[in-house]
Amino acid sequence: MHAIEFQTTVHDGILQIPLEHQRQLNGRDLRVVVVDTQTEDAGEAETLFARLRRVRIAGPADLSIDHDSYVIGNQDA
């Protein structure tokens, strides 16, 4: 499979193939994947750190103090 990427504008449901590709693609069956370059949330992609800040962990109140006891087990218990 050979892939060609280009940008074009849709007019009345018709995609205009650039001249440099028209001869090569004329008469061929194609699979077309359309990617809208004008999305509403363009430029607002959430960063990894922003997503990690929303992570909430449920645990005991003293987890930050006695975390070793929870990881390796409390030998006095």
C-alpha atoms as a PDB file:
ATOM      1  CA  MET A   1       0.000   0.000   0.000  1.00  0.00           C
ATOM      2  CA  HIS A   2       1.312   3.426  -0.959  1.00  0.00           C
ATOM      3  CA  ALA A   3       0.242   6.498   1.048  1.00  0.00           C
ATOM      4  CA  ILE A   4       0.112  10.091  -0.121  1.00  0.00           C
ATOM      5  CA  GLU A   5      -0.639  12.989   2.199  1.00  0.00           C
ATOM      6  CA  PHE A   6      -1.881  16.385   1.133  1.00  0.00           C
ATOM      7  CA  GLN A   7      -4.196  19.127   2.331  1.00  0.00           C
ATOM      8  CA  THR A   8      -7.207  20.283   0.412  1.00  0.00           C
ATOM      9  CA  THR A   9     -10.518  22.060   0.916  1.00  0.00           C
ATOM     10  CA  VAL A  10     -13.857  20.342   0.394  1.00  0.00           C
ATOM     11  CA  HIS A  11     -16.268  22.114  -1.957  1.00  0.00           C
ATOM     12  CA  ASP A  12     -19.778  20.668  -2.312  1.00  0.00           C
ATOM     13  CA  GLY A  13     -18.568  17.265  -1.106  1.00  0.00           C
ATOM     14  CA  ILE A  14     -15.702  17.070  -3.596  1.00  0.00           C
ATOM     15  CA  LEU A  15     -12.057  16.712  -2.624  1.00  0.00           C
ATOM     16  CA  GLN A  16      -9.642  18.319  -5.074  1.00  0.00           C
ATOM     17  CA  ILE A  17      -6.555  16.143  -5.623  1.00  0.00           C
ATOM     18  CA  PRO A  18      -3.413  18.223  -6.215  1.00  0.00           C
ATOM     19  CA  LEU A  19      -2.163  18.239  -9.819  1.00  0.00           C
ATOM     20  CA  GLU A  20       1.086  16.440  -8.930  1.00  0.00           C
ATOM     21  CA  HIS A  21      -0.938  13.410  -7.765  1.00  0.00           C
ATOM     22  CA  GLN A  22      -3.823  13.384 -10.255  1.00  0.00           C
ATOM     23  CA  ARG A  23      -2.056  11.409 -12.996  1.00  0.00           C
ATOM     24  CA  GLN A  24      -0.778   8.772 -10.567  1.00  0.00           C
ATOM     25  CA  LEU A  25      -4.205   8.287  -8.924  1.00  0.00           C
ATOM     26  CA  ASN A  26      -6.459   8.567 -11.984  1.00  0.00           C
ATOM     27  CA  GLY A  27      -8.751   5.551 -12.307  1.00  0.00           C
ATOM     28  CA  ARG A  28      -7.504   3.855  -9.112  1.00  0.00           C
ATOM     29  CA  ASP A  29      -9.629   2.632  -6.212  1.00  0.00           C
ATOM     30  CA  LEU A  30      -8.589   4.513  -3.088  1.00  0.00           C
ATOM     31  CA  ARG A  31      -9.190   4.369   0.623  1.00  0.00           C
ATOM     32  CA  VAL A  32      -9.588   7.896   1.978  1.00  0.00           C
ATOM     33  CA  VAL A  33      -9.088   8.966   5.596  1.00  0.00           C
ATOM     34  CA  VAL A  34     -10.304  12.482   6.358  1.00  0.00           C
ATOM     35  CA  VAL A  35      -8.701  14.470   9.191  1.00  0.00           C
ATOM     36  CA  ASP A  36     -10.288  17.821  10.002  1.00  0.00           C
ATOM     37  CA  THR A  37      -7.526  20.381  10.547  1.00  0.00           C
ATOM     38  CA  GLN A  38      -9.913  22.907  12.084  1.00  0.00           C
ATOM     39  CA  THR A  39     -10.986  21.175  15.272  1.00  0.00           C
ATOM     40  CA  GLU A  40     -12.708  23.140  18.014  1.00  0.00           C
ATOM     41  CA  ASP A  41     -10.134  22.245  20.669  1.00  0.00           C
ATOM     42  CA  ALA A  42      -7.072  22.962  18.531  1.00  0.00           C
ATOM     43  CA  GLY A  43      -4.273  24.265  20.704  1.00  0.00           C
ATOM     44  CA  GLU A  44      -5.997  23.114  23.884  1.00  0.00           C
ATOM     45  CA  ALA A  45      -4.423  19.675  24.108  1.00  0.00           C
ATOM     46  CA  GLU A  46      -4.127  18.611  27.719  1.00  0.00           C
ATOM     47  CA  THR A  47      -0.596  17.918  28.879  1.00  0.00           C
ATOM     48  CA  LEU A  48       0.433  14.795  30.743  1.00  0.00           C
ATOM     49  CA  PHE A  49       1.075  16.780  33.913  1.00  0.00           C
ATOM     50  CA  ALA A  50      -2.371  18.356  33.763  1.00  0.00           C
ATOM     51  CA  ARG A  51      -3.932  14.898  33.542  1.00  0.00           C
ATOM     52  CA  LEU A  52      -1.759  13.592  36.389  1.00  0.00           C
ATOM     53  CA  ARG A  53      -2.841  16.480  38.633  1.00  0.00           C
ATOM     54  CA  ARG A  54      -6.421  15.195  38.394  1.00  0.00           C
ATOM     55  CA  VAL A  55      -5.490  11.713  39.610  1.00  0.00           C
ATOM     56  CA  ARG A  56      -6.859  11.091  43.086  1.00  0.00           C
ATOM     57  CA  ILE A  57      -5.696   8.193  45.229  1.00  0.00           C
ATOM     58  CA  ALA A  58      -7.772   6.848  48.089  1.00  0.00           C
ATOM     59  CA  GLY A  59      -5.663   5.550  50.957  1.00  0.00           C
ATOM     60  CA  PRO A  60      -5.067   5.831  54.671  1.00  0.00           C
ATOM     61  CA  ALA A  61      -4.494   9.298  56.124  1.00  0.00           C
ATOM     62  CA  ASP A  62      -0.946   8.443  57.253  1.00  0.00           C
ATOM     63  CA  LEU A  63       0.170   6.959  53.916  1.00  0.00           C
ATOM     64  CA  SER A  64       2.658   9.778  53.261  1.00  0.00           C
ATOM     65  CA  ILE A  65       4.212   9.338  56.713  1.00  0.00           C
ATOM     66  CA  ASP A  66       4.226   5.548  57.118  1.00  0.00           C
ATOM     67  CA  HIS A  67       4.427   4.506  53.476  1.00  0.00           C
ATOM     68  CA  ASP A  68       7.192   1.925  54.182  1.00  0.00           C
ATOM     69  CA  SER A  69       4.892   0.092  56.596  1.00  0.00           C
ATOM     70  CA  TYR A  70       2.281  -0.193  53.854  1.00  0.00           C
ATOM     71  CA  VAL A  71       4.771  -1.224  51.159  1.00  0.00           C
ATOM     72  CA  ILE A  72       6.793  -3.870  53.028  1.00  0.00           C
ATOM     73  CA  GLY A  73       4.278  -4.625  55.748  1.00  0.00           C
ATOM     74  CA  ASN A  74       4.194  -3.707  59.406  1.00  0.00           C
ATOM     75  CA  GLN A  75       6.165  -6.310  61.337  1.00  0.00           C
ATOM     76  CA  ASP A  76       4.690  -5.179  64.686  1.00  0.00           C
ATOM     77  CA  ALA A  77       1.123  -5.832  63.621  1.00  0.00           C
END
